[in-house]
Amino acid sequence: MKGGVRSLNIVLKLLFNGIIAIPGLWWSGTSLMFAVLASVIVSLLGYVLDLTILPRTNNTFASSADFLFVYASLWLGCYLFGQTISLSGLLLTAFAITVVEYFFHGYLQRHGVHHSKHPG
């Protein structure tokens, strides 16, 4: 995958996850600054996770891993930084990001991240 394509993929992931995560976290009770920072950090680490898991598995498995990663990361971040958050808001935000991730994985598979298993 070339550098320009990788940069575009990262920007798209930041944009799509930010559209979901920032309002979702803010609505759930965190500060706006925490929501923005958590969205950026989770998106960047999630991109590395996508590049690691998606080529070796399928879209369904990678999306499930994303849900667990996003939920655990956001919960841990809220705990460590003293942010109050509703459980339902956290679950809804993680689920919405997972839905977006499912389609983002399809885009990655069509544009450069080749997988060794059949798409799920």
Foldseek 3Di string as FASTA:
>chain_A
DDPVVVVVLLVVLLVVLLVLQQVLFVVFFFDNVLSNVLSNVLSVVLVVLCLVPPQEEALVVSLVVQLVSQLVSVVVSCVVVVTHGDPVSSNVSSVSSSVVSSVSSVVCCVPPRHHPDDHD
